[in-house]
């Protein structure tokens, strides 16, 4: 992460989650990130092909020259980048990873610049990742930014960041959550020593009629 906005938002998210894979959506306090609000957004992942903006800061919408609220993130890119984003978002949601992207954007008259985009998972209802906190920060900050619509967008770099999970002094207080599953089924709790597992029956444990 090279941009101050990305670093600041990541630090806030990382401190908020503590020893959990991700914080909850309702724990985000706008007042704590007030300086970065114009550069931040909230996404709702409806399904694999639709991640729509619920909120987008004014600096983002001004820079791109478009209203983002309600817009599907994936449809802002061509088919190749769209598939990359869909796959990366699947990984961010299912494994509580952090997504870091560099995006180029160009106007109709050839003006272009690049942005650093950060996407952070948030748990919502039923402890599933359906919301994302993110930021968009211009890397070059040209003087014309915000005066022309940037109609063509392309991914130029993407990577997954795995946040560290430092164990607390008392290991018995550490509650690590396994990667979150989107499809919820009946589960049973299995305890072994200090560890606790949620076991979902499936595959060969199901009869032919239940599969």
N, C-alpha and C. Protein backbone atom coordinates (compact mmCIF):
# COMPACT_ATOMS: atom_id res chain seq x y z
N UNK A 1 0.84 -1.18 0.00
CA UNK A 1 0.00 0.00 0.00
C UNK A 1 0.88 1.24 0.00
N UNK A 2 0.70 2.07 -1.01
CA UNK A 2 1.56 3.23 -1.16
C UNK A 2 0.87 4.54 -0.78
N UNK A 3 -0.45 4.58 -0.86
CA UNK A 3 -1.17 5.81 -0.61
C UNK A 3 -1.56 5.93 0.87
N UNK A 4 -1.49 7.17 1.37
CA UNK A 4 -1.80 7.42 2.79
C UNK A 4 -3.23 7.03 3.14
N UNK A 5 -4.16 7.25 2.22
CA UNK A 5 -5.56 6.89 2.46
C UNK A 5 -5.69 5.38 2.68
N UNK A 6 -5.04 4.59 1.82
CA UNK A 6 -5.08 3.13 1.95
C UNK A 6 -4.48 2.69 3.27
N UNK A 7 -3.34 3.24 3.61
CA UNK A 7 -2.66 2.85 4.84
C UNK A 7 -3.49 3.19 6.07
N UNK A 8 -4.10 4.37 6.07
CA UNK A 8 -4.90 4.81 7.20
C UNK A 8 -6.15 3.94 7.37
N UNK A 9 -6.83 3.67 6.26
CA UNK A 9 -8.06 2.87 6.33
C UNK A 9 -7.75 1.43 6.74
N UNK A 10 -6.67 0.88 6.21
CA UNK A 10 -6.28 -0.47 6.59
C UNK A 10 -5.95 -0.54 8.09
N UNK A 11 -5.23 0.44 8.61
CA UNK A 11 -4.87 0.44 10.02
C UNK A 11 -6.11 0.49 10.90
N UNK A 12 -7.10 1.31 10.50
CA UNK A 12 -8.36 1.39 11.25
C UNK A 12 -9.09 0.05 11.23
N UNK A 13 -9.22 -0.54 10.06
CA UNK A 13 -9.90 -1.83 9.91
C UNK A 13 -9.18 -2.92 10.70
N UNK A 14 -7.87 -2.94 10.63
CA UNK A 14 -7.08 -3.97 11.30
C UNK A 14 -7.20 -3.86 12.82
N UNK A 15 -7.18 -2.65 13.34
CA UNK A 15 -7.33 -2.46 14.79
C UNK A 15 -8.73 -2.82 15.24
N UNK A 16 -9.72 -2.51 14.41
CA UNK A 16 -11.12 -2.77 14.78
C UNK A 16 -11.43 -4.26 14.84
N UNK A 17 -10.84 -5.05 13.96
CA UNK A 17 -11.15 -6.48 13.93
C UNK A 17 -10.50 -7.22 15.09
N UNK A 18 -9.38 -6.72 15.61
CA UNK A 18 -8.71 -7.42 16.71
C UNK A 18 -8.24 -8.79 16.28
N UNK A 19 -8.67 -9.83 17.00
CA UNK A 19 -8.26 -11.20 16.69
C UNK A 19 -9.25 -11.93 15.76
N UNK A 20 -10.21 -11.18 15.24
CA UNK A 20 -11.19 -11.78 14.32
C UNK A 20 -10.72 -11.63 12.88
N UNK A 21 -11.23 -12.47 11.99
CA UNK A 21 -10.87 -12.30 10.58
C UNK A 21 -11.30 -10.95 10.00
N UNK A 22 -12.43 -10.41 10.48
CA UNK A 22 -12.93 -9.14 9.97
C UNK A 22 -13.86 -8.52 11.00
N UNK A 23 -13.96 -7.18 11.02
CA UNK A 23 -14.94 -6.54 11.91
C UNK A 23 -16.34 -6.61 11.32
N UNK A 24 -17.32 -6.24 12.11
CA UNK A 24 -18.70 -6.22 11.64
C UNK A 24 -19.03 -4.86 11.03
N UNK A 25 -19.96 -4.88 10.10
CA UNK A 25 -20.35 -3.66 9.40
C UNK A 25 -20.80 -2.57 10.37
N UNK A 26 -21.59 -2.93 11.37
CA UNK A 26 -22.14 -1.90 12.25
C UNK A 26 -21.09 -1.32 13.20
N UNK A 27 -19.89 -1.90 13.24
CA UNK A 27 -18.83 -1.37 14.09
C UNK A 27 -18.08 -0.21 13.45
N UNK A 28 -18.26 -0.02 12.16
CA UNK A 28 -17.58 1.08 11.48
C UNK A 28 -18.19 2.41 11.93
N UNK A 29 -17.35 3.29 12.46
CA UNK A 29 -17.79 4.60 12.92
C UNK A 29 -17.23 5.67 11.98
N UNK A 30 -18.09 6.29 11.18
CA UNK A 30 -17.60 7.30 10.23
C UNK A 30 -16.76 8.39 10.87
N UNK A 31 -17.08 8.73 12.12
CA UNK A 31 -16.32 9.80 12.77
C UNK A 31 -14.86 9.43 12.98
N UNK A 32 -14.56 8.13 13.04
CA UNK A 32 -13.19 7.69 13.25
C UNK A 32 -12.35 7.78 11.98
N UNK A 33 -13.01 7.86 10.85
CA UNK A 33 -12.30 7.95 9.57
C UNK A 33 -12.75 9.18 8.80
N UNK A 34 -13.11 10.23 9.54
CA UNK A 34 -13.71 11.42 8.94
C UNK A 34 -12.82 12.03 7.86
N UNK A 35 -11.53 12.07 8.09
CA UNK A 35 -10.62 12.68 7.11
C UNK A 35 -10.57 11.92 5.80
N UNK A 36 -10.90 10.62 5.85
CA UNK A 36 -10.82 9.79 4.65
C UNK A 36 -12.18 9.50 4.01
N UNK A 37 -13.25 9.99 4.61
CA UNK A 37 -14.59 9.68 4.09
C UNK A 37 -14.77 10.05 2.62
N UNK A 38 -14.25 11.17 2.13
CA UNK A 38 -14.43 11.49 0.70
C UNK A 38 -13.79 10.47 -0.23
N UNK A 39 -12.85 9.67 0.30
CA UNK A 39 -12.13 8.69 -0.53
C UNK A 39 -12.58 7.25 -0.27
N UNK A 40 -13.61 7.06 0.54
CA UNK A 40 -14.02 5.71 0.92
C UNK A 40 -15.36 5.32 0.30
N UNK A 41 -15.61 4.02 0.30
CA UNK A 41 -16.87 3.49 -0.22
C UNK A 41 -17.30 2.26 0.58
N UNK A 42 -18.57 1.92 0.45
CA UNK A 42 -19.11 0.68 0.99
C UNK A 42 -19.71 -0.10 -0.17
N UNK A 43 -19.31 -1.36 -0.30
CA UNK A 43 -19.85 -2.25 -1.32
C UNK A 43 -20.75 -3.30 -0.69
N UNK A 44 -21.77 -3.70 -1.42
CA UNK A 44 -22.60 -4.85 -1.04
C UNK A 44 -22.45 -5.91 -2.13
N UNK A 45 -21.99 -7.08 -1.73
CA UNK A 45 -21.85 -8.17 -2.70
C UNK A 45 -23.16 -8.95 -2.74
N UNK A 46 -23.93 -8.74 -3.78
CA UNK A 46 -25.22 -9.40 -3.93
C UNK A 46 -25.03 -10.86 -4.32
N UNK A 47 -24.14 -11.10 -5.26
CA UNK A 47 -23.79 -12.45 -5.68
C UNK A 47 -22.45 -12.37 -6.42
N UNK A 48 -22.06 -13.46 -7.04
CA UNK A 48 -20.74 -13.54 -7.67
C UNK A 48 -20.57 -12.49 -8.77
N UNK A 49 -21.64 -12.12 -9.45
CA UNK A 49 -21.54 -11.20 -10.59
C UNK A 49 -21.99 -9.78 -10.28
N UNK A 50 -22.38 -9.51 -9.04
CA UNK A 50 -22.90 -8.19 -8.71
C UNK A 50 -22.37 -7.72 -7.35
N UNK A 51 -21.54 -6.71 -7.38
CA UNK A 51 -21.07 -6.04 -6.16
C UNK A 51 -21.37 -4.56 -6.35
N UNK A 52 -22.42 -4.09 -5.72
CA UNK A 52 -22.88 -2.74 -5.98
C UNK A 52 -22.47 -1.77 -4.87
N UNK A 53 -22.25 -0.54 -5.29
CA UNK A 53 -21.89 0.52 -4.36
C UNK A 53 -23.12 0.94 -3.57
N UNK A 54 -23.00 0.92 -2.25
CA UNK A 54 -24.05 1.47 -1.39
C UNK A 54 -23.73 2.92 -1.05
N UNK A 55 -22.46 3.21 -0.88
CA UNK A 55 -22.00 4.57 -0.61
C UNK A 55 -20.68 4.80 -1.33
N UNK A 56 -20.44 6.03 -1.73
CA UNK A 56 -19.15 6.38 -2.34
C UNK A 56 -18.84 7.83 -2.02
N UNK A 57 -17.63 8.09 -1.56
CA UNK A 57 -17.22 9.44 -1.18
C UNK A 57 -17.19 10.40 -2.35
N UNK A 58 -17.32 11.68 -2.03
CA UNK A 58 -17.41 12.70 -3.08
C UNK A 58 -16.13 12.81 -3.89
N UNK A 59 -14.98 12.57 -3.28
CA UNK A 59 -13.72 12.68 -4.02
C UNK A 59 -13.62 11.57 -5.06
N UNK A 60 -14.20 10.41 -4.77
CA UNK A 60 -14.19 9.30 -5.75
C UNK A 60 -15.09 9.64 -6.93
N UNK A 61 -16.33 10.04 -6.63
CA UNK A 61 -17.28 10.32 -7.71
C UNK A 61 -16.83 11.51 -8.55
N UNK A 62 -16.24 12.52 -7.90
CA UNK A 62 -15.74 13.68 -8.66
C UNK A 62 -14.58 13.28 -9.57
N UNK A 63 -13.67 12.44 -9.04
CA UNK A 63 -12.49 12.04 -9.81
C UNK A 63 -12.88 11.22 -11.04
N UNK A 64 -13.82 10.30 -10.87
CA UNK A 64 -14.23 9.45 -11.98
C UNK A 64 -15.27 10.11 -12.87
N UNK A 65 -15.94 11.14 -12.34
CA UNK A 65 -16.94 11.84 -13.13
C UNK A 65 -18.22 11.07 -13.30
N UNK A 66 -18.60 10.30 -12.28
CA UNK A 66 -19.84 9.53 -12.35
C UNK A 66 -20.39 9.26 -10.96
N UNK A 67 -21.70 9.06 -10.89
CA UNK A 67 -22.34 8.66 -9.66
C UNK A 67 -22.19 7.15 -9.50
N UNK A 68 -21.72 6.70 -8.35
CA UNK A 68 -21.45 5.27 -8.15
C UNK A 68 -22.53 4.56 -7.35
N UNK A 69 -23.31 5.25 -6.58
CA UNK A 69 -24.31 4.61 -5.74
C UNK A 69 -25.25 3.74 -6.58
N UNK A 70 -25.33 2.45 -6.23
CA UNK A 70 -26.18 1.51 -6.95
C UNK A 70 -25.53 0.87 -8.15
N UNK A 71 -24.35 1.33 -8.54
CA UNK A 71 -23.67 0.80 -9.72
C UNK A 71 -22.92 -0.49 -9.37
N UNK A 72 -22.93 -1.45 -10.30
CA UNK A 72 -22.21 -2.70 -10.13
C UNK A 72 -20.73 -2.48 -10.44
N UNK A 73 -19.87 -2.71 -9.45
CA UNK A 73 -18.43 -2.52 -9.64
C UNK A 73 -17.91 -3.29 -10.84
N UNK A 74 -18.33 -4.53 -11.00
CA UNK A 74 -17.79 -5.39 -12.06
C UNK A 74 -18.10 -4.85 -13.45
N UNK A 75 -19.25 -4.23 -13.61
CA UNK A 75 -19.65 -3.74 -14.93
C UNK A 75 -18.91 -2.48 -15.35
N UNK A 76 -18.06 -1.97 -14.48
CA UNK A 76 -17.26 -0.80 -14.83
C UNK A 76 -16.01 -1.18 -15.60
N UNK A 77 -15.78 -2.50 -15.79
CA UNK A 77 -14.57 -2.99 -16.45
C UNK A 77 -14.91 -3.92 -17.60
N UNK A 78 -13.94 -4.16 -18.48
CA UNK A 78 -14.18 -5.08 -19.58
C UNK A 78 -14.21 -6.51 -19.06
N UNK A 79 -14.52 -7.46 -19.93
CA UNK A 79 -14.81 -8.82 -19.51
C UNK A 79 -13.62 -9.48 -18.81
N UNK A 80 -12.40 -9.23 -19.30
CA UNK A 80 -11.23 -9.84 -18.69
C UNK A 80 -11.01 -9.35 -17.27
N UNK A 81 -11.01 -8.02 -17.09
CA UNK A 81 -10.83 -7.46 -15.75
C UNK A 81 -12.01 -7.79 -14.85
N UNK A 82 -13.19 -7.87 -15.45
CA UNK A 82 -14.38 -8.21 -14.66
C UNK A 82 -14.23 -9.58 -14.02
N UNK A 83 -13.75 -10.55 -14.77
CA UNK A 83 -13.57 -11.89 -14.22
C UNK A 83 -12.49 -11.91 -13.14
N UNK A 84 -11.43 -11.12 -13.36
CA UNK A 84 -10.38 -11.03 -12.34
C UNK A 84 -10.94 -10.47 -11.05
N UNK A 85 -11.72 -9.40 -11.16
CA UNK A 85 -12.32 -8.79 -9.97
C UNK A 85 -13.28 -9.74 -9.27
N UNK A 86 -14.07 -10.45 -10.05
CA UNK A 86 -15.02 -11.39 -9.46
C UNK A 86 -14.29 -12.48 -8.68
N UNK A 87 -13.22 -12.99 -9.25
CA UNK A 87 -12.44 -14.03 -8.57
C UNK A 87 -11.76 -13.48 -7.31
N UNK A 88 -11.22 -12.28 -7.40
CA UNK A 88 -10.58 -11.68 -6.25
C UNK A 88 -11.58 -11.38 -5.13
N UNK A 89 -12.76 -10.91 -5.51
CA UNK A 89 -13.79 -10.61 -4.52
C UNK A 89 -14.29 -11.88 -3.85
N UNK A 90 -14.34 -12.97 -4.60
CA UNK A 90 -14.72 -14.26 -4.02
C UNK A 90 -13.72 -14.66 -2.94
N UNK A 91 -12.45 -14.45 -3.23
CA UNK A 91 -11.40 -14.80 -2.26
C UNK A 91 -11.45 -13.88 -1.05
N UNK A 92 -11.67 -12.59 -1.27
CA UNK A 92 -11.77 -11.65 -0.17
C UNK A 92 -12.93 -12.01 0.75
N UNK A 93 -14.07 -12.39 0.15
CA UNK A 93 -15.26 -12.71 0.93
C UNK A 93 -15.13 -14.03 1.66
N UNK A 94 -14.61 -15.05 1.00
CA UNK A 94 -14.60 -16.39 1.59
C UNK A 94 -13.45 -16.60 2.56
N UNK A 95 -12.34 -15.85 2.38
CA UNK A 95 -11.18 -16.05 3.23
C UNK A 95 -10.83 -14.84 4.09
N UNK A 96 -11.66 -13.81 4.03
CA UNK A 96 -11.40 -12.57 4.79
C UNK A 96 -10.01 -12.02 4.47
N UNK A 97 -9.67 -12.05 3.19
CA UNK A 97 -8.42 -11.47 2.73
C UNK A 97 -8.64 -9.99 2.45
N UNK A 98 -7.57 -9.30 2.10
CA UNK A 98 -7.64 -7.89 1.75
C UNK A 98 -7.21 -7.75 0.29
N UNK A 99 -7.99 -7.01 -0.48
CA UNK A 99 -7.67 -6.82 -1.89
C UNK A 99 -7.02 -5.46 -2.14
N UNK A 100 -5.93 -5.46 -2.89
CA UNK A 100 -5.23 -4.23 -3.26
C UNK A 100 -5.11 -4.19 -4.77
N UNK A 101 -5.59 -3.11 -5.37
CA UNK A 101 -5.64 -3.01 -6.83
C UNK A 101 -5.08 -1.66 -7.28
N UNK A 102 -4.47 -1.66 -8.46
CA UNK A 102 -4.12 -0.42 -9.14
C UNK A 102 -4.94 -0.38 -10.42
N UNK A 103 -5.61 0.72 -10.62
CA UNK A 103 -6.54 0.89 -11.74
C UNK A 103 -6.16 2.12 -12.54
N UNK A 104 -6.08 1.97 -13.84
CA UNK A 104 -5.89 3.15 -14.70
C UNK A 104 -7.26 3.60 -15.19
N UNK A 105 -7.39 4.91 -15.37
CA UNK A 105 -8.65 5.47 -15.88
C UNK A 105 -8.32 6.56 -16.89
N UNK A 106 -9.09 6.58 -17.99
CA UNK A 106 -8.80 7.48 -19.09
C UNK A 106 -10.06 8.18 -19.55
N UNK A 107 -9.89 9.43 -19.93
CA UNK A 107 -11.01 10.21 -20.46
C UNK A 107 -11.12 10.01 -21.97
N UNK A 108 -12.20 10.50 -22.54
CA UNK A 108 -12.41 10.36 -23.97
C UNK A 108 -11.36 11.09 -24.78
N UNK A 109 -10.78 12.15 -24.23
CA UNK A 109 -9.77 12.92 -24.98
C UNK A 109 -8.35 12.51 -24.63
N UNK A 110 -8.18 11.36 -23.96
CA UNK A 110 -6.84 10.81 -23.76
C UNK A 110 -6.17 11.14 -22.45
N UNK A 111 -6.80 11.92 -21.59
CA UNK A 111 -6.21 12.17 -20.27
C UNK A 111 -6.31 10.90 -19.44
N UNK A 112 -5.24 10.55 -18.71
CA UNK A 112 -5.27 9.31 -17.94
C UNK A 112 -4.49 9.46 -16.63
N UNK A 113 -4.87 8.66 -15.66
CA UNK A 113 -4.19 8.61 -14.37
C UNK A 113 -4.45 7.25 -13.74
N UNK A 114 -3.80 6.97 -12.63
CA UNK A 114 -3.99 5.68 -11.97
C UNK A 114 -4.45 5.90 -10.52
N UNK A 115 -5.13 4.89 -10.02
CA UNK A 115 -5.67 4.94 -8.67
C UNK A 115 -5.27 3.68 -7.92
N UNK A 116 -5.09 3.82 -6.61
CA UNK A 116 -4.92 2.66 -5.74
C UNK A 116 -6.26 2.40 -5.08
N UNK A 117 -6.72 1.16 -5.19
CA UNK A 117 -8.02 0.76 -4.65
C UNK A 117 -7.81 -0.32 -3.59
N UNK A 118 -8.37 -0.09 -2.41
CA UNK A 118 -8.28 -1.04 -1.30
C UNK A 118 -9.66 -1.57 -1.00
N UNK A 119 -9.79 -2.90 -0.81
CA UNK A 119 -11.07 -3.51 -0.48
C UNK A 119 -10.90 -4.39 0.76
N UNK A 120 -11.68 -4.08 1.81
CA UNK A 120 -11.58 -4.74 3.10
C UNK A 120 -12.90 -5.43 3.45
N UNK A 121 -12.87 -6.70 3.88
CA UNK A 121 -14.12 -7.42 4.17
C UNK A 121 -14.74 -7.00 5.50
N UNK A 122 -16.08 -7.01 5.52
CA UNK A 122 -16.85 -6.76 6.73
C UNK A 122 -17.89 -7.86 6.88
N UNK A 123 -18.02 -8.41 8.08
CA UNK A 123 -19.10 -9.37 8.29
C UNK A 123 -20.39 -8.60 8.49
N UNK A 124 -21.48 -9.23 8.06
CA UNK A 124 -22.80 -8.59 8.16
C UNK A 124 -23.70 -9.52 8.96
N UNK A 125 -24.89 -9.76 8.50
CA UNK A 125 -25.79 -10.67 9.20
C UNK A 125 -25.29 -12.11 9.05
N UNK A 126 -25.58 -12.93 10.03
CA UNK A 126 -25.23 -14.37 10.00
C UNK A 126 -23.73 -14.60 9.88
N UNK A 127 -22.92 -13.59 10.25
CA UNK A 127 -21.47 -13.73 10.24
C UNK A 127 -20.90 -14.06 8.86
N UNK A 128 -21.56 -13.64 7.82
CA UNK A 128 -21.03 -13.81 6.46
C UNK A 128 -20.53 -12.48 5.94
N UNK A 129 -19.57 -12.53 5.02
CA UNK A 129 -19.04 -11.32 4.42
C UNK A 129 -19.92 -10.93 3.24
N UNK A 130 -20.70 -9.87 3.43
CA UNK A 130 -21.56 -9.36 2.38
C UNK A 130 -21.32 -7.87 2.11
N UNK A 131 -20.52 -7.26 2.96
CA UNK A 131 -20.20 -5.84 2.81
C UNK A 131 -18.69 -5.68 2.78
N UNK A 132 -18.26 -4.57 2.17
CA UNK A 132 -16.83 -4.29 2.05
C UNK A 132 -16.60 -2.80 2.24
N UNK A 133 -15.58 -2.48 3.01
CA UNK A 133 -15.13 -1.11 3.17
C UNK A 133 -13.94 -0.90 2.26
N UNK A 134 -13.91 0.21 1.56
CA UNK A 134 -12.80 0.40 0.63
C UNK A 134 -12.46 1.85 0.41
N UNK A 135 -11.38 2.06 -0.33
CA UNK A 135 -10.95 3.42 -0.65
C UNK A 135 -10.41 3.46 -2.06
N UNK A 136 -10.48 4.64 -2.65
CA UNK A 136 -9.91 4.91 -3.97
C UNK A 136 -9.07 6.17 -3.84
N UNK A 137 -7.78 6.06 -4.16
CA UNK A 137 -6.88 7.21 -4.02
C UNK A 137 -6.10 7.41 -5.31
N UNK A 138 -6.12 8.63 -5.81
CA UNK A 138 -5.34 8.95 -7.01
C UNK A 138 -3.86 8.89 -6.69
N UNK A 139 -3.09 8.27 -7.57
CA UNK A 139 -1.65 8.13 -7.33
C UNK A 139 -0.87 9.34 -7.84
N UNK A 140 -1.23 9.89 -9.00
CA UNK A 140 -0.49 11.03 -9.55
C UNK A 140 -1.10 12.38 -9.18
N UNK A 141 -2.42 12.40 -8.95
CA UNK A 141 -3.14 13.63 -8.60
C UNK A 141 -2.91 14.76 -9.60
N UNK A 142 -3.22 14.54 -10.88
CA UNK A 142 -3.06 15.60 -11.89
C UNK A 142 -4.01 16.76 -11.63
N UNK A 143 -3.64 17.94 -12.07
CA UNK A 143 -4.44 19.14 -11.77
C UNK A 143 -5.80 19.10 -12.44
N UNK A 144 -5.95 18.34 -13.51
CA UNK A 144 -7.24 18.30 -14.21
C UNK A 144 -8.20 17.28 -13.60
N UNK A 145 -7.75 16.51 -12.62
CA UNK A 145 -8.59 15.45 -12.04
C UNK A 145 -9.87 16.04 -11.47
N UNK A 146 -10.99 15.46 -11.85
CA UNK A 146 -12.29 15.93 -11.38
C UNK A 146 -12.99 16.84 -12.36
N UNK A 147 -12.28 17.26 -13.41
CA UNK A 147 -12.87 18.18 -14.38
C UNK A 147 -13.38 17.47 -15.63
N UNK A 148 -12.95 16.20 -15.83
CA UNK A 148 -13.40 15.43 -17.00
C UNK A 148 -13.79 14.03 -16.55
N UNK A 149 -14.83 13.44 -17.16
CA UNK A 149 -15.21 12.07 -16.81
C UNK A 149 -14.15 11.07 -17.29
N UNK A 150 -13.82 10.12 -16.44
CA UNK A 150 -12.87 9.06 -16.81
C UNK A 150 -13.69 7.84 -17.17
N UNK A 151 -13.90 7.66 -18.46
CA UNK A 151 -14.87 6.70 -18.94
C UNK A 151 -14.32 5.30 -19.19
N UNK A 152 -12.99 5.17 -19.32
CA UNK A 152 -12.39 3.87 -19.57
C UNK A 152 -11.50 3.49 -18.40
N UNK A 153 -11.74 2.29 -17.87
CA UNK A 153 -11.01 1.84 -16.68
C UNK A 153 -10.40 0.47 -16.94
N UNK A 154 -9.19 0.26 -16.39
CA UNK A 154 -8.49 -1.01 -16.59
C UNK A 154 -7.65 -1.35 -15.36
N UNK A 155 -7.65 -2.63 -14.98
CA UNK A 155 -6.80 -3.08 -13.89
C UNK A 155 -5.36 -3.21 -14.40
N UNK A 156 -4.41 -2.64 -13.68
CA UNK A 156 -3.01 -2.76 -14.07
C UNK A 156 -2.21 -3.58 -13.06
N UNK A 157 -2.78 -3.80 -11.89
CA UNK A 157 -2.11 -4.60 -10.86
C UNK A 157 -3.14 -5.04 -9.84
N UNK A 158 -2.99 -6.26 -9.34
CA UNK A 158 -3.87 -6.70 -8.25
C UNK A 158 -3.12 -7.71 -7.40
N UNK A 159 -3.40 -7.68 -6.10
CA UNK A 159 -2.79 -8.64 -5.19
C UNK A 159 -3.69 -8.85 -3.98
N UNK A 160 -3.51 -9.99 -3.35
CA UNK A 160 -4.22 -10.32 -2.13
C UNK A 160 -3.26 -10.17 -0.96
N UNK A 161 -3.71 -9.48 0.08
CA UNK A 161 -2.92 -9.30 1.30
C UNK A 161 -3.56 -10.13 2.40
N UNK A 162 -2.73 -10.91 3.08
CA UNK A 162 -3.23 -11.75 4.18
C UNK A 162 -2.89 -11.07 5.50
N UNK A 163 -3.89 -10.52 6.19
CA UNK A 163 -3.61 -9.82 7.46
C UNK A 163 -3.05 -10.79 8.49
N UNK A 164 -2.11 -10.29 9.30
CA UNK A 164 -1.56 -11.11 10.38
C UNK A 164 -2.56 -11.18 11.51
N UNK A 165 -2.52 -12.29 12.24
CA UNK A 165 -3.39 -12.47 13.40
C UNK A 165 -2.51 -12.81 14.59
N UNK A 166 -2.05 -11.82 15.31
CA UNK A 166 -1.18 -12.06 16.46
C UNK A 166 -1.98 -12.68 17.59
N UNK A 167 -1.49 -13.81 18.13
CA UNK A 167 -2.19 -14.48 19.22
C UNK A 167 -2.10 -13.65 20.49
N UNK A 168 -3.15 -13.58 21.29
CA UNK A 168 -3.11 -12.85 22.55
C UNK A 168 -2.25 -13.58 23.57
N UNK A 169 -1.96 -12.89 24.67
CA UNK A 169 -1.12 -13.50 25.69
C UNK A 169 -1.76 -14.77 26.24
N UNK A 170 -3.08 -14.74 26.43
CA UNK A 170 -3.79 -15.91 26.92
C UNK A 170 -4.43 -16.61 25.73
N UNK A 171 -3.85 -17.73 25.30
CA UNK A 171 -4.32 -18.41 24.10
C UNK A 171 -5.77 -18.82 24.20
N UNK A 172 -6.27 -19.05 25.43
CA UNK A 172 -7.66 -19.49 25.60
C UNK A 172 -8.64 -18.40 25.19
N UNK A 173 -8.17 -17.13 25.12
CA UNK A 173 -9.05 -16.04 24.73
C UNK A 173 -9.08 -15.83 23.22
N UNK A 174 -8.22 -16.55 22.51
CA UNK A 174 -8.12 -16.37 21.06
C UNK A 174 -9.21 -17.17 20.36
N UNK A 175 -10.09 -16.48 19.65
CA UNK A 175 -11.19 -17.13 18.95
C UNK A 175 -11.03 -16.91 17.45
N UNK A 176 -10.28 -17.80 16.84
CA UNK A 176 -10.06 -17.69 15.39
C UNK A 176 -11.26 -18.31 14.67
N UNK A 177 -11.81 -17.59 13.70
CA UNK A 177 -12.94 -18.07 12.93
C UNK A 177 -12.43 -18.64 11.61
N UNK A 178 -12.93 -19.79 11.26
CA UNK A 178 -12.54 -20.41 10.00
C UNK A 178 -13.04 -19.57 8.85
N UNK A 179 -12.48 -19.77 7.65
CA UNK A 179 -12.98 -19.04 6.48
C UNK A 179 -14.50 -19.12 6.40
N UNK A 180 -15.13 -18.00 6.08
CA UNK A 180 -16.58 -17.89 6.13
C UNK A 180 -17.20 -18.48 4.88
N UNK A 181 -18.25 -19.24 5.08
CA UNK A 181 -18.96 -19.87 3.97
C UNK A 181 -20.19 -19.04 3.63
N UNK A 182 -20.46 -18.86 2.34
CA UNK A 182 -21.64 -18.11 1.93
C UNK A 182 -22.91 -18.93 2.10
N UNK A 183 -22.82 -20.22 1.85
CA UNK A 183 -23.99 -21.08 1.97
C UNK A 183 -24.02 -21.67 3.36
N UNK A 184 -25.07 -21.37 4.13
CA UNK A 184 -25.15 -21.83 5.50
C UNK A 184 -26.01 -23.08 5.56
N UNK A 185 -25.52 -24.07 6.30
CA UNK A 185 -26.24 -25.31 6.51
C UNK A 185 -26.23 -25.62 7.99
N UNK A 186 -26.99 -26.64 8.37
CA UNK A 186 -26.99 -27.05 9.76
C UNK A 186 -25.59 -27.51 10.15
N UNK A 187 -25.16 -27.12 11.33
CA UNK A 187 -23.82 -27.47 11.77
C UNK A 187 -23.84 -27.96 13.21
N UNK A 188 -22.82 -28.69 13.58
CA UNK A 188 -22.66 -29.10 14.97
C UNK A 188 -21.31 -28.59 15.47
N UNK A 189 -21.25 -28.31 16.75
CA UNK A 189 -20.04 -27.80 17.35
C UNK A 189 -19.23 -28.96 17.92
N UNK A 190 -17.95 -29.01 17.57
CA UNK A 190 -17.05 -30.04 18.07
C UNK A 190 -15.93 -29.35 18.84
N UNK A 191 -15.71 -29.75 20.08
CA UNK A 191 -14.67 -29.15 20.90
C UNK A 191 -13.57 -30.15 21.17
N UNK A 192 -12.33 -29.69 21.10
CA UNK A 192 -11.18 -30.53 21.39
C UNK A 192 -10.15 -29.68 22.12
N UNK A 193 -9.89 -30.01 23.37
CA UNK A 193 -8.98 -29.23 24.21
C UNK A 193 -9.46 -27.78 24.22
N UNK A 194 -8.58 -26.86 23.76
CA UNK A 194 -8.96 -25.45 23.77
C UNK A 194 -9.60 -24.99 22.47
N UNK A 195 -9.71 -25.87 21.52
CA UNK A 195 -10.20 -25.46 20.21
C UNK A 195 -11.64 -25.87 20.00
N UNK A 196 -12.30 -25.08 19.17
CA UNK A 196 -13.70 -25.32 18.86
C UNK A 196 -13.89 -25.27 17.35
N UNK A 197 -14.63 -26.23 16.82
CA UNK A 197 -14.83 -26.30 15.39
C UNK A 197 -16.33 -26.32 15.09
N UNK A 198 -16.71 -25.69 13.99
CA UNK A 198 -18.08 -25.81 13.49
C UNK A 198 -18.03 -26.76 12.30
N UNK A 199 -18.71 -27.91 12.40
CA UNK A 199 -18.65 -28.95 11.38
C UNK A 199 -19.95 -28.96 10.59
N UNK A 200 -19.81 -28.83 9.26
CA UNK A 200 -20.96 -28.89 8.37
C UNK A 200 -21.00 -30.27 7.73
N UNK A 201 -22.10 -30.97 7.91
CA UNK A 201 -22.24 -32.28 7.27
C UNK A 201 -22.45 -32.10 5.78
N UNK A 202 -21.88 -32.99 5.02
CA UNK A 202 -22.05 -32.89 3.57
C UNK A 202 -21.27 -33.97 2.89
N UNK A 203 -21.30 -33.99 1.56
CA UNK A 203 -20.55 -34.98 0.79
C UNK A 203 -21.00 -36.38 1.14
N UNK A 204 -20.05 -37.26 1.51
CA UNK A 204 -20.37 -38.65 1.75
C UNK A 204 -21.17 -38.86 3.02
N UNK A 205 -21.24 -37.84 3.89
CA UNK A 205 -22.01 -38.01 5.12
C UNK A 205 -23.49 -37.88 4.87
N UNK A 206 -23.88 -37.39 3.67
CA UNK A 206 -25.27 -37.25 3.34
C UNK A 206 -25.76 -38.44 2.54
N UNK A 207 -26.99 -38.82 2.77
CA UNK A 207 -27.58 -39.89 1.96
C UNK A 207 -27.84 -39.37 0.58
N UNK A 208 -28.08 -40.27 -0.35
CA UNK A 208 -28.29 -39.87 -1.73
C UNK A 208 -29.46 -38.92 -1.88
N UNK A 209 -30.50 -39.06 -1.05
CA UNK A 209 -31.68 -38.20 -1.17
C UNK A 209 -31.42 -36.79 -0.64
N UNK A 210 -30.37 -36.62 0.20
CA UNK A 210 -30.13 -35.34 0.81
C UNK A 210 -29.11 -34.52 0.08
N UNK A 211 -28.43 -35.07 -0.88
CA UNK A 211 -27.37 -34.33 -1.56
C UNK A 211 -27.93 -33.28 -2.49
